[in-house]
């Protein structure tokens, strides 16, 4: 606990130092190095707490890391997942939304929230976040695949096929894509009127 307080004090001092006028470049480089070390130690501390089974302490450090570096989307993701795992679903959603506000130009947290809703069976909400996630450039295939599965569960088979096609364009060697597309084509054909 003592180390945590010392670390938190260093973070606060560093915050005060950066709030004032810019120091000379040599001093700024040293401050950046200290900041990187503190960030590294906080991540290390969260990991130690996690592996020791001290999850509430892990979450406390993750809250500090969010304040320390609001652009680190992985911290929001980990904290949201942990809060939800402990039954703090409303707080988890607040963390995800806070992360999205701090990082509106990244797909990551839109995907996390979309996947989160997908897992909970709230498919309409999942679709909204996943559709937002795929609007960003260079989105990985797994985001499109999750959107495709969401469309399929919603019965939106044509959109589903387009999402699978996009996943195939990103990763043409993924053999699972064609298997999924075949299943969805069959469902689409069966859902059409006059399909005998």
N, C-alpha and C. Protein backbone atom coordinates (compact mmCIF):
# COMPACT_ATOMS: atom_id res chain seq x y z
N UNK A 1 0.83 -1.19 0.00
CA UNK A 1 0.00 0.00 0.00
C UNK A 1 0.88 1.25 0.00
N UNK A 2 1.99 1.19 0.76
CA UNK A 2 2.90 2.33 0.83
C UNK A 2 3.44 2.68 -0.56
N UNK A 3 3.84 1.64 -1.31
CA UNK A 3 4.35 1.86 -2.67
C UNK A 3 3.29 2.51 -3.56
N UNK A 4 2.05 2.08 -3.37
CA UNK A 4 0.97 2.63 -4.17
C UNK A 4 0.79 4.11 -3.87
N UNK A 5 0.87 4.51 -2.60
CA UNK A 5 0.72 5.92 -2.23
C UNK A 5 1.87 6.75 -2.77
N UNK A 6 3.08 6.21 -2.70
CA UNK A 6 4.23 6.94 -3.25
C UNK A 6 4.05 7.12 -4.75
N UNK A 7 3.64 6.05 -5.42
CA UNK A 7 3.43 6.10 -6.87
C UNK A 7 2.34 7.12 -7.21
N UNK A 8 1.24 7.11 -6.43
CA UNK A 8 0.15 8.04 -6.68
C UNK A 8 0.62 9.48 -6.46
N UNK A 9 1.46 9.70 -5.43
CA UNK A 9 2.02 11.03 -5.18
C UNK A 9 2.88 11.51 -6.33
N UNK A 10 3.67 10.61 -6.90
CA UNK A 10 4.51 10.96 -8.06
C UNK A 10 3.64 11.34 -9.25
N UNK A 11 2.55 10.60 -9.44
CA UNK A 11 1.63 10.91 -10.54
C UNK A 11 1.05 12.30 -10.35
N UNK A 12 0.64 12.61 -9.11
CA UNK A 12 0.06 13.93 -8.84
C UNK A 12 1.08 15.04 -9.09
N UNK A 13 2.32 14.85 -8.63
CA UNK A 13 3.37 15.85 -8.86
C UNK A 13 3.65 16.03 -10.34
N UNK A 14 3.68 14.92 -11.06
CA UNK A 14 3.92 14.99 -12.49
C UNK A 14 2.79 15.74 -13.18
N UNK A 15 1.56 15.53 -12.70
CA UNK A 15 0.42 16.25 -13.26
C UNK A 15 0.54 17.75 -13.03
N UNK A 16 0.97 18.13 -11.86
CA UNK A 16 1.17 19.56 -11.58
C UNK A 16 2.28 20.14 -12.45
N UNK A 17 3.34 19.37 -12.65
CA UNK A 17 4.46 19.85 -13.46
C UNK A 17 4.04 20.09 -14.90
N UNK A 18 3.19 19.24 -15.41
CA UNK A 18 2.79 19.38 -16.82
C UNK A 18 1.71 20.44 -16.99
N UNK A 19 1.04 20.85 -15.90
CA UNK A 19 -0.01 21.87 -16.00
C UNK A 19 0.57 23.27 -16.14
N UNK A 20 1.83 23.44 -15.78
CA UNK A 20 2.46 24.74 -15.85
C UNK A 20 3.09 24.94 -17.23
N UNK A 21 3.80 26.05 -17.40
CA UNK A 21 4.43 26.33 -18.68
C UNK A 21 5.43 25.24 -19.03
N UNK A 22 5.68 25.09 -20.30
CA UNK A 22 6.58 24.04 -20.79
C UNK A 22 8.00 24.26 -20.30
N UNK A 23 8.59 23.21 -19.72
CA UNK A 23 9.99 23.32 -19.31
C UNK A 23 10.92 23.17 -20.51
N UNK A 24 12.20 23.41 -20.33
CA UNK A 24 13.15 23.20 -21.43
C UNK A 24 13.08 21.74 -21.92
N UNK A 25 13.51 21.53 -23.14
CA UNK A 25 13.40 20.21 -23.78
C UNK A 25 14.09 19.11 -22.98
N UNK A 26 15.26 19.37 -22.42
CA UNK A 26 15.98 18.35 -21.64
C UNK A 26 15.17 17.94 -20.41
N UNK A 27 14.55 18.92 -19.76
CA UNK A 27 13.72 18.62 -18.59
C UNK A 27 12.47 17.86 -19.02
N UNK A 28 11.89 18.27 -20.14
CA UNK A 28 10.69 17.58 -20.65
C UNK A 28 11.00 16.13 -20.98
N UNK A 29 12.16 15.86 -21.54
CA UNK A 29 12.54 14.48 -21.84
C UNK A 29 12.64 13.65 -20.56
N UNK A 30 13.20 14.24 -19.52
CA UNK A 30 13.31 13.53 -18.24
C UNK A 30 11.92 13.29 -17.64
N UNK A 31 11.06 14.30 -17.72
CA UNK A 31 9.69 14.12 -17.23
C UNK A 31 8.96 13.02 -18.00
N UNK A 32 9.15 12.99 -19.31
CA UNK A 32 8.53 11.94 -20.12
C UNK A 32 9.04 10.56 -19.73
N UNK A 33 10.34 10.47 -19.44
CA UNK A 33 10.92 9.19 -19.02
C UNK A 33 10.34 8.76 -17.67
N UNK A 34 10.18 9.70 -16.75
CA UNK A 34 9.59 9.39 -15.45
C UNK A 34 8.14 8.96 -15.63
N UNK A 35 7.43 9.68 -16.49
CA UNK A 35 6.03 9.33 -16.77
C UNK A 35 5.92 7.91 -17.32
N UNK A 36 6.80 7.55 -18.23
CA UNK A 36 6.78 6.20 -18.79
C UNK A 36 7.07 5.16 -17.73
N UNK A 37 8.01 5.46 -16.84
CA UNK A 37 8.33 4.52 -15.76
C UNK A 37 7.14 4.34 -14.80
N UNK A 38 6.48 5.44 -14.48
CA UNK A 38 5.32 5.36 -13.60
C UNK A 38 4.21 4.56 -14.26
N UNK A 39 3.97 4.83 -15.53
CA UNK A 39 2.96 4.08 -16.27
C UNK A 39 3.29 2.58 -16.26
N UNK A 40 4.53 2.27 -16.54
CA UNK A 40 4.97 0.87 -16.56
C UNK A 40 4.77 0.23 -15.19
N UNK A 41 5.13 0.95 -14.13
CA UNK A 41 5.00 0.39 -12.78
C UNK A 41 3.54 0.21 -12.39
N UNK A 42 2.67 1.14 -12.77
CA UNK A 42 1.24 0.98 -12.48
C UNK A 42 0.67 -0.25 -13.18
N UNK A 43 1.04 -0.44 -14.44
CA UNK A 43 0.58 -1.63 -15.17
C UNK A 43 1.11 -2.89 -14.50
N UNK A 44 2.37 -2.85 -14.10
CA UNK A 44 2.99 -3.99 -13.42
C UNK A 44 2.27 -4.28 -12.10
N UNK A 45 1.94 -3.24 -11.36
CA UNK A 45 1.26 -3.38 -10.08
C UNK A 45 -0.14 -3.98 -10.28
N UNK A 46 -0.86 -3.51 -11.28
CA UNK A 46 -2.18 -4.07 -11.58
C UNK A 46 -2.06 -5.55 -11.92
N UNK A 47 -1.05 -5.90 -12.68
CA UNK A 47 -0.83 -7.30 -13.06
C UNK A 47 -0.50 -8.15 -11.83
N UNK A 48 0.34 -7.63 -10.93
CA UNK A 48 0.68 -8.36 -9.70
C UNK A 48 -0.57 -8.59 -8.86
N UNK A 49 -1.37 -7.55 -8.69
CA UNK A 49 -2.60 -7.70 -7.91
C UNK A 49 -3.52 -8.73 -8.55
N UNK A 50 -3.63 -8.69 -9.88
CA UNK A 50 -4.49 -9.64 -10.60
C UNK A 50 -4.05 -11.07 -10.33
N UNK A 51 -2.78 -11.33 -10.47
CA UNK A 51 -2.27 -12.69 -10.29
C UNK A 51 -2.29 -13.14 -8.83
N UNK A 52 -2.32 -12.18 -7.90
CA UNK A 52 -2.45 -12.53 -6.48
C UNK A 52 -3.91 -12.70 -6.08
N UNK A 53 -4.83 -12.49 -7.03
CA UNK A 53 -6.25 -12.62 -6.73
C UNK A 53 -6.83 -11.41 -6.01
N UNK A 54 -6.12 -10.32 -5.99
CA UNK A 54 -6.59 -9.10 -5.34
C UNK A 54 -7.25 -8.20 -6.38
N UNK A 55 -8.40 -8.63 -6.84
CA UNK A 55 -9.04 -7.98 -7.97
C UNK A 55 -9.53 -6.58 -7.67
N UNK A 56 -9.96 -6.34 -6.44
CA UNK A 56 -10.40 -4.98 -6.13
C UNK A 56 -9.23 -3.99 -6.17
N UNK A 57 -8.07 -4.46 -5.74
CA UNK A 57 -6.88 -3.61 -5.85
C UNK A 57 -6.50 -3.42 -7.32
N UNK A 58 -6.66 -4.48 -8.11
CA UNK A 58 -6.41 -4.36 -9.55
C UNK A 58 -7.29 -3.28 -10.15
N UNK A 59 -8.58 -3.31 -9.80
CA UNK A 59 -9.51 -2.32 -10.34
C UNK A 59 -9.14 -0.91 -9.87
N UNK A 60 -8.69 -0.79 -8.61
CA UNK A 60 -8.29 0.53 -8.10
C UNK A 60 -7.13 1.09 -8.92
N UNK A 61 -6.16 0.25 -9.23
CA UNK A 61 -5.02 0.70 -10.04
C UNK A 61 -5.48 1.05 -11.46
N UNK A 62 -6.41 0.26 -12.00
CA UNK A 62 -6.92 0.56 -13.34
C UNK A 62 -7.64 1.91 -13.38
N UNK A 63 -8.36 2.24 -12.30
CA UNK A 63 -8.98 3.56 -12.22
C UNK A 63 -7.91 4.66 -12.25
N UNK A 64 -6.81 4.44 -11.53
CA UNK A 64 -5.71 5.41 -11.53
C UNK A 64 -5.12 5.52 -12.93
N UNK A 65 -4.93 4.39 -13.60
CA UNK A 65 -4.36 4.39 -14.95
C UNK A 65 -5.25 5.15 -15.95
N UNK A 66 -6.55 5.06 -15.78
CA UNK A 66 -7.46 5.81 -16.66
C UNK A 66 -7.24 7.31 -16.48
N UNK A 67 -7.08 7.74 -15.24
CA UNK A 67 -6.81 9.15 -15.00
C UNK A 67 -5.44 9.54 -15.53
N UNK A 68 -4.51 8.64 -15.39
CA UNK A 68 -3.13 8.89 -15.79
C UNK A 68 -2.98 8.96 -17.30
N UNK A 69 -3.63 8.05 -17.99
CA UNK A 69 -3.54 8.01 -19.45
C UNK A 69 -4.90 7.71 -20.06
N UNK A 70 -5.74 8.73 -20.26
CA UNK A 70 -7.09 8.51 -20.78
C UNK A 70 -7.13 8.00 -22.22
N UNK A 71 -5.99 7.93 -22.89
CA UNK A 71 -5.96 7.45 -24.28
C UNK A 71 -5.66 5.95 -24.38
N UNK A 72 -5.41 5.29 -23.26
CA UNK A 72 -5.11 3.86 -23.26
C UNK A 72 -6.41 3.07 -23.22
N UNK A 73 -6.90 2.69 -24.40
CA UNK A 73 -8.20 2.02 -24.49
C UNK A 73 -8.19 0.64 -23.82
N UNK A 74 -7.05 0.01 -23.74
CA UNK A 74 -6.97 -1.32 -23.12
C UNK A 74 -7.33 -1.25 -21.63
N UNK A 75 -6.97 -0.17 -20.98
CA UNK A 75 -7.28 -0.03 -19.56
C UNK A 75 -8.79 0.05 -19.35
N UNK A 76 -9.48 0.83 -20.18
CA UNK A 76 -10.95 0.91 -20.08
C UNK A 76 -11.55 -0.48 -20.31
N UNK A 77 -11.04 -1.16 -21.30
CA UNK A 77 -11.56 -2.47 -21.65
C UNK A 77 -11.40 -3.46 -20.50
N UNK A 78 -10.21 -3.50 -19.91
CA UNK A 78 -9.95 -4.41 -18.80
C UNK A 78 -10.80 -4.07 -17.58
N UNK A 79 -10.88 -2.78 -17.27
CA UNK A 79 -11.65 -2.36 -16.11
C UNK A 79 -13.14 -2.64 -16.32
N UNK A 80 -13.65 -2.35 -17.50
CA UNK A 80 -15.05 -2.64 -17.79
C UNK A 80 -15.37 -4.11 -17.64
N UNK A 81 -14.49 -4.95 -18.18
CA UNK A 81 -14.69 -6.40 -18.08
C UNK A 81 -14.68 -6.85 -16.63
N UNK A 82 -13.73 -6.33 -15.84
CA UNK A 82 -13.66 -6.73 -14.43
C UNK A 82 -14.89 -6.28 -13.65
N UNK A 83 -15.30 -5.04 -13.86
CA UNK A 83 -16.49 -4.55 -13.15
C UNK A 83 -17.71 -5.39 -13.49
N UNK A 84 -17.88 -5.71 -14.76
CA UNK A 84 -19.01 -6.54 -15.17
C UNK A 84 -18.92 -7.92 -14.55
N UNK A 85 -17.72 -8.47 -14.48
CA UNK A 85 -17.52 -9.79 -13.88
C UNK A 85 -17.91 -9.82 -12.41
N UNK A 86 -17.78 -8.68 -11.75
CA UNK A 86 -18.14 -8.59 -10.34
C UNK A 86 -19.58 -8.07 -10.15
N UNK A 87 -20.37 -8.09 -11.20
CA UNK A 87 -21.76 -7.71 -11.09
C UNK A 87 -22.01 -6.22 -11.13
N UNK A 88 -21.00 -5.45 -11.43
CA UNK A 88 -21.12 -3.99 -11.50
C UNK A 88 -21.36 -3.57 -12.96
N UNK A 89 -22.42 -4.11 -13.54
CA UNK A 89 -22.68 -3.92 -14.96
C UNK A 89 -22.89 -2.45 -15.32
N UNK A 90 -23.64 -1.72 -14.52
CA UNK A 90 -23.89 -0.31 -14.81
C UNK A 90 -22.58 0.48 -14.78
N UNK A 91 -21.74 0.20 -13.80
CA UNK A 91 -20.45 0.89 -13.73
C UNK A 91 -19.56 0.50 -14.90
N UNK A 92 -19.61 -0.77 -15.28
CA UNK A 92 -18.81 -1.22 -16.43
C UNK A 92 -19.20 -0.43 -17.67
N UNK A 93 -20.49 -0.29 -17.89
CA UNK A 93 -20.96 0.46 -19.06
C UNK A 93 -20.51 1.91 -18.99
N UNK A 94 -20.53 2.50 -17.79
CA UNK A 94 -20.06 3.89 -17.63
C UNK A 94 -18.58 4.00 -18.01
N UNK A 95 -17.79 3.00 -17.64
CA UNK A 95 -16.37 3.01 -17.97
C UNK A 95 -16.18 2.91 -19.48
N UNK A 96 -16.92 2.00 -20.12
CA UNK A 96 -16.83 1.88 -21.58
C UNK A 96 -17.20 3.21 -22.25
N UNK A 97 -18.30 3.80 -21.81
CA UNK A 97 -18.76 5.06 -22.42
C UNK A 97 -17.74 6.19 -22.17
N UNK A 98 -17.16 6.20 -20.99
CA UNK A 98 -16.13 7.20 -20.70
C UNK A 98 -14.93 7.01 -21.63
N UNK A 99 -14.56 5.77 -21.86
CA UNK A 99 -13.46 5.48 -22.77
C UNK A 99 -13.77 5.91 -24.19
N UNK A 100 -15.01 5.72 -24.62
CA UNK A 100 -15.41 6.15 -25.96
C UNK A 100 -15.34 7.67 -26.08
N UNK A 101 -15.80 8.37 -25.04
CA UNK A 101 -15.72 9.84 -25.07
C UNK A 101 -14.28 10.33 -25.13
N UNK A 102 -13.39 9.62 -24.44
CA UNK A 102 -11.97 10.03 -24.44
C UNK A 102 -11.25 9.60 -25.71
N UNK A 103 -11.81 8.62 -26.42
CA UNK A 103 -11.16 8.06 -27.62
C UNK A 103 -12.19 7.86 -28.73
N UNK A 104 -12.85 8.93 -29.17
CA UNK A 104 -13.95 8.77 -30.13
C UNK A 104 -13.50 8.33 -31.52
N UNK A 105 -12.23 8.42 -31.80
CA UNK A 105 -11.74 8.09 -33.14
C UNK A 105 -11.04 6.75 -33.21
N UNK A 106 -11.41 5.84 -32.30
CA UNK A 106 -10.84 4.49 -32.31
C UNK A 106 -11.98 3.48 -32.27
N UNK A 107 -11.80 2.40 -32.96
CA UNK A 107 -12.86 1.38 -33.03
C UNK A 107 -12.94 0.53 -31.76
N UNK A 108 -11.86 0.42 -31.01
CA UNK A 108 -11.70 -0.58 -29.95
C UNK A 108 -12.86 -0.66 -28.96
N UNK A 109 -13.20 0.46 -28.37
CA UNK A 109 -14.21 0.43 -27.33
C UNK A 109 -15.63 0.31 -27.90
N UNK A 110 -15.85 0.82 -29.10
CA UNK A 110 -17.14 0.57 -29.76
C UNK A 110 -17.31 -0.94 -29.94
N UNK A 111 -16.23 -1.59 -30.36
CA UNK A 111 -16.27 -3.05 -30.51
C UNK A 111 -16.52 -3.72 -29.16
N UNK A 112 -15.78 -3.30 -28.13
CA UNK A 112 -15.94 -3.93 -26.82
C UNK A 112 -17.37 -3.84 -26.33
N UNK A 113 -17.98 -2.66 -26.46
CA UNK A 113 -19.37 -2.50 -26.01
C UNK A 113 -20.30 -3.32 -26.88
N UNK A 114 -20.06 -3.32 -28.20
CA UNK A 114 -20.89 -4.13 -29.09
C UNK A 114 -20.80 -5.61 -28.76
N UNK A 115 -19.60 -6.09 -28.53
CA UNK A 115 -19.40 -7.50 -28.17
C UNK A 115 -20.05 -7.80 -26.82
N UNK A 116 -19.92 -6.86 -25.89
CA UNK A 116 -20.51 -6.99 -24.56
C UNK A 116 -22.02 -7.16 -24.67
N UNK A 117 -22.67 -6.28 -25.45
CA UNK A 117 -24.11 -6.40 -25.65
C UNK A 117 -24.46 -7.68 -26.39
N UNK A 118 -23.64 -8.06 -27.37
CA UNK A 118 -23.89 -9.30 -28.11
C UNK A 118 -23.91 -10.49 -27.15
N UNK A 119 -22.93 -10.54 -26.26
CA UNK A 119 -22.83 -11.64 -25.30
C UNK A 119 -24.04 -11.66 -24.35
N UNK A 120 -24.61 -10.50 -24.07
CA UNK A 120 -25.75 -10.41 -23.16
C UNK A 120 -27.08 -10.61 -23.90
N UNK A 121 -27.01 -10.81 -25.23
CA UNK A 121 -28.21 -11.04 -26.01
C UNK A 121 -28.97 -9.78 -26.36
N UNK A 122 -28.39 -8.62 -26.13
CA UNK A 122 -29.03 -7.35 -26.48
C UNK A 122 -28.53 -6.96 -27.87
N UNK A 123 -29.09 -7.65 -28.86
CA UNK A 123 -28.53 -7.59 -30.21
C UNK A 123 -28.73 -6.26 -30.91
N UNK A 124 -29.84 -5.60 -30.67
CA UNK A 124 -30.08 -4.30 -31.32
C UNK A 124 -29.04 -3.28 -30.84
N UNK A 125 -28.76 -3.30 -29.55
CA UNK A 125 -27.73 -2.41 -29.01
C UNK A 125 -26.35 -2.82 -29.52
N UNK A 126 -26.12 -4.11 -29.58
CA UNK A 126 -24.83 -4.60 -30.09
C UNK A 126 -24.62 -4.11 -31.51
N UNK A 127 -25.64 -4.24 -32.34
CA UNK A 127 -25.54 -3.82 -33.74
C UNK A 127 -25.13 -2.36 -33.85
N UNK A 128 -25.73 -1.49 -33.05
CA UNK A 128 -25.43 -0.05 -33.12
C UNK A 128 -23.95 0.22 -32.86
N UNK A 129 -23.40 -0.40 -31.84
CA UNK A 129 -21.98 -0.17 -31.52
C UNK A 129 -21.06 -0.83 -32.54
N UNK A 130 -21.41 -2.02 -32.98
CA UNK A 130 -20.56 -2.70 -33.95
C UNK A 130 -20.56 -1.98 -35.30
N UNK A 131 -21.73 -1.46 -35.69
CA UNK A 131 -21.79 -0.68 -36.94
C UNK A 131 -20.93 0.57 -36.84
N UNK A 132 -20.87 1.15 -35.66
CA UNK A 132 -19.99 2.32 -35.45
C UNK A 132 -18.53 1.89 -35.54
N UNK A 133 -18.20 0.74 -34.94
CA UNK A 133 -16.81 0.26 -34.94
C UNK A 133 -16.28 0.03 -36.35
N UNK A 134 -17.10 -0.52 -37.23
CA UNK A 134 -16.61 -0.85 -38.58
C UNK A 134 -16.49 0.36 -39.48
N UNK A 135 -16.87 1.53 -39.01
CA UNK A 135 -16.72 2.75 -39.81
C UNK A 135 -15.28 3.28 -39.80
N UNK A 136 -14.46 2.76 -38.91
CA UNK A 136 -13.08 3.22 -38.82
C UNK A 136 -12.19 2.47 -39.81
N UNK A 137 -11.13 3.11 -40.28
CA UNK A 137 -10.24 2.43 -41.22
C UNK A 137 -9.44 1.33 -40.52
N UNK A 138 -9.07 0.33 -41.29
CA UNK A 138 -8.21 -0.77 -40.83
C UNK A 138 -8.77 -1.54 -39.64
N UNK A 139 -10.08 -1.73 -39.64
CA UNK A 139 -10.71 -2.51 -38.58
C UNK A 139 -10.39 -3.99 -38.84
N UNK A 140 -9.99 -4.73 -37.81
CA UNK A 140 -9.67 -6.15 -38.00
C UNK A 140 -10.89 -6.97 -38.41
N UNK A 141 -10.64 -8.10 -39.01
CA UNK A 141 -11.70 -8.98 -39.50
C UNK A 141 -12.64 -9.43 -38.38
N UNK A 142 -12.11 -9.65 -37.18
CA UNK A 142 -12.96 -10.16 -36.10
C UNK A 142 -14.10 -9.20 -35.76
N UNK A 143 -13.91 -7.91 -36.00
CA UNK A 143 -14.98 -6.94 -35.74
C UNK A 143 -16.11 -7.17 -36.73
N UNK A 144 -15.75 -7.35 -37.99
CA UNK A 144 -16.75 -7.63 -39.03
C UNK A 144 -17.44 -8.97 -38.77
N UNK A 145 -16.69 -9.95 -38.29
CA UNK A 145 -17.27 -11.26 -38.00
C UNK A 145 -18.28 -11.18 -36.86
N UNK A 146 -17.97 -10.40 -35.84
CA UNK A 146 -18.92 -10.23 -34.74
C UNK A 146 -20.18 -9.54 -35.22
N UNK A 147 -20.00 -8.52 -36.07
CA UNK A 147 -21.17 -7.84 -36.65
C UNK A 147 -21.98 -8.81 -37.49
N UNK A 148 -21.32 -9.66 -38.26
CA UNK A 148 -22.02 -10.65 -39.08
C UNK A 148 -22.86 -11.59 -38.21
N UNK A 149 -22.28 -12.08 -37.13
CA UNK A 149 -23.02 -12.96 -36.22
C UNK A 149 -24.23 -12.23 -35.61
N UNK A 150 -24.05 -10.95 -35.31
CA UNK A 150 -25.15 -10.16 -34.74
C UNK A 150 -26.26 -10.02 -35.77
N UNK A 151 -25.90 -9.67 -37.00
CA UNK A 151 -26.91 -9.56 -38.06
C UNK A 151 -27.65 -10.90 -38.25
N UNK A 152 -26.91 -11.98 -38.21
CA UNK A 152 -27.54 -13.29 -38.41
C UNK A 152 -28.57 -13.56 -37.31
N UNK A 153 -28.19 -13.30 -36.07
CA UNK A 153 -29.12 -13.54 -34.96
C UNK A 153 -30.34 -12.63 -35.04
N UNK A 154 -30.17 -11.46 -35.66
CA UNK A 154 -31.30 -10.55 -35.84
C UNK A 154 -32.13 -10.89 -37.09
N UNK A 155 -31.67 -11.86 -37.86
CA UNK A 155 -32.38 -12.23 -39.08
C UNK A 155 -32.12 -11.30 -40.25
N UNK A 156 -31.08 -10.51 -40.17
CA UNK A 156 -30.73 -9.57 -41.25
C UNK A 156 -29.66 -10.23 -42.12
N UNK A 157 -30.11 -11.19 -42.92
CA UNK A 157 -29.18 -12.07 -43.63
C UNK A 157 -28.40 -11.39 -44.74
N UNK A 158 -29.01 -10.45 -45.44
CA UNK A 158 -28.28 -9.76 -46.51
C UNK A 158 -27.14 -8.91 -45.93
N UNK A 159 -27.45 -8.19 -44.86
CA UNK A 159 -26.39 -7.42 -44.19
C UNK A 159 -25.32 -8.36 -43.63
N UNK A 160 -25.77 -9.49 -43.14
CA UNK A 160 -24.84 -10.48 -42.59
C UNK A 160 -23.85 -10.94 -43.66
N UNK A 161 -24.36 -11.25 -44.85
CA UNK A 161 -23.49 -11.69 -45.95
C UNK A 161 -22.50 -10.60 -46.34
N UNK A 162 -22.95 -9.35 -46.35
CA UNK A 162 -22.03 -8.25 -46.68
C UNK A 162 -20.93 -8.13 -45.63
N UNK A 163 -21.28 -8.33 -44.37
CA UNK A 163 -20.27 -8.26 -43.30
C UNK A 163 -19.28 -9.42 -43.43
N UNK A 164 -19.77 -10.61 -43.76
CA UNK A 164 -18.87 -11.75 -43.97
C UNK A 164 -17.95 -11.48 -45.16
N UNK A 165 -18.51 -10.87 -46.20
CA UNK A 165 -17.69 -10.56 -47.38
C UNK A 165 -16.57 -9.59 -47.02
N UNK A 166 -16.88 -8.61 -46.21
CA UNK A 166 -15.86 -7.65 -45.78
C UNK A 166 -14.79 -8.37 -44.95
N UNK A 167 -15.20 -9.28 -44.08
CA UNK A 167 -14.23 -10.06 -43.29
C UNK A 167 -13.33 -10.87 -44.22
N UNK A 168 -13.90 -11.43 -45.28
CA UNK A 168 -13.11 -12.21 -46.23
C UNK A 168 -12.12 -11.33 -46.99
N UNK A 169 -12.52 -10.11 -47.33
CA UNK A 169 -11.60 -9.19 -48.00
C UNK A 169 -10.40 -8.88 -47.10
N UNK A 170 -10.65 -8.74 -45.81
CA UNK A 170 -9.57 -8.42 -44.88
C UNK A 170 -8.67 -9.63 -44.65
N UNK A 171 -9.28 -10.81 -44.54
CA UNK A 171 -8.51 -12.04 -44.28
C UNK A 171 -8.99 -13.14 -45.22
N UNK A 172 -8.47 -13.14 -46.46
CA UNK A 172 -8.94 -14.11 -47.45
C UNK A 172 -8.60 -15.56 -47.11
N UNK A 173 -7.72 -15.80 -46.17
CA UNK A 173 -7.34 -17.17 -45.82
C UNK A 173 -8.14 -17.76 -44.67
N UNK A 174 -9.10 -17.03 -44.17
CA UNK A 174 -9.92 -17.52 -43.06
C UNK A 174 -10.99 -18.47 -43.60
N UNK A 175 -10.78 -19.75 -43.40
CA UNK A 175 -11.70 -20.76 -43.91
C UNK A 175 -13.07 -20.73 -43.26
N UNK A 176 -13.18 -20.19 -42.07
CA UNK A 176 -14.48 -20.14 -41.38
C UNK A 176 -15.46 -19.20 -42.06
N UNK A 177 -14.94 -18.23 -42.79
CA UNK A 177 -15.82 -17.24 -43.42
C UNK A 177 -16.76 -17.91 -44.42
N UNK A 178 -16.21 -18.73 -45.30
CA UNK A 178 -17.05 -19.37 -46.33
C UNK A 178 -18.07 -20.31 -45.71
N UNK A 179 -17.69 -21.02 -44.67
CA UNK A 179 -18.65 -21.91 -43.99
C UNK A 179 -19.81 -21.11 -43.42
N UNK A 180 -19.52 -19.99 -42.81
CA UNK A 180 -20.57 -19.13 -42.26
C UNK A 180 -21.43 -18.54 -43.38
N UNK A 181 -20.80 -18.12 -44.46
CA UNK A 181 -21.55 -17.54 -45.57
C UNK A 181 -22.50 -18.57 -46.18
N UNK A 182 -22.05 -19.81 -46.30
CA UNK A 182 -22.92 -20.87 -46.85
C UNK A 182 -24.16 -21.06 -45.98
N UNK A 183 -23.96 -21.10 -44.68
CA UNK A 183 -25.09 -21.26 -43.76
C UNK A 183 -26.06 -20.09 -43.89
N UNK A 184 -25.53 -18.88 -43.97
CA UNK A 184 -26.39 -17.70 -44.04
C UNK A 184 -27.11 -17.62 -45.39
N UNK A 185 -26.43 -18.01 -46.47
CA UNK A 185 -27.11 -18.04 -47.78
C UNK A 185 -28.32 -18.97 -47.75
N UNK A 186 -28.14 -20.11 -47.09
CA UNK A 186 -29.25 -21.07 -46.98
C UNK A 186 -30.39 -20.47 -46.17
N UNK A 187 -30.08 -19.81 -45.07
CA UNK A 187 -31.11 -19.16 -44.26
C UNK A 187 -31.82 -18.06 -45.05
N UNK A 188 -31.05 -17.31 -45.83
CA UNK A 188 -31.64 -16.24 -46.64
C UNK A 188 -32.60 -16.83 -47.66
N UNK A 189 -32.19 -17.88 -48.31
CA UNK A 189 -33.06 -18.52 -49.31
C UNK A 189 -34.33 -19.06 -48.66
N UNK A 190 -34.19 -19.67 -47.50
CA UNK A 190 -35.38 -20.23 -46.80
C UNK A 190 -36.30 -19.15 -46.30
N UNK A 191 -35.77 -17.95 -46.04
CA UNK A 191 -36.60 -16.88 -45.49
C UNK A 191 -37.38 -16.13 -46.56
N UNK A 192 -36.99 -16.29 -47.81
CA UNK A 192 -37.66 -15.57 -48.89
C UNK A 192 -39.00 -16.24 -49.21
N UNK A 193 -40.02 -15.39 -49.50
CA UNK A 193 -41.30 -15.96 -49.91
C UNK A 193 -41.14 -16.72 -51.23
N UNK A 194 -41.94 -17.69 -51.42
CA UNK A 194 -41.94 -18.54 -52.63
C UNK A 194 -40.67 -19.36 -52.76
N UNK A 195 -39.96 -19.59 -51.65
CA UNK A 195 -38.81 -20.48 -51.76
C UNK A 195 -39.29 -21.88 -51.47
N UNK A 196 -39.33 -22.69 -52.49
CA UNK A 196 -39.86 -24.04 -52.36
C UNK A 196 -38.77 -25.05 -52.42
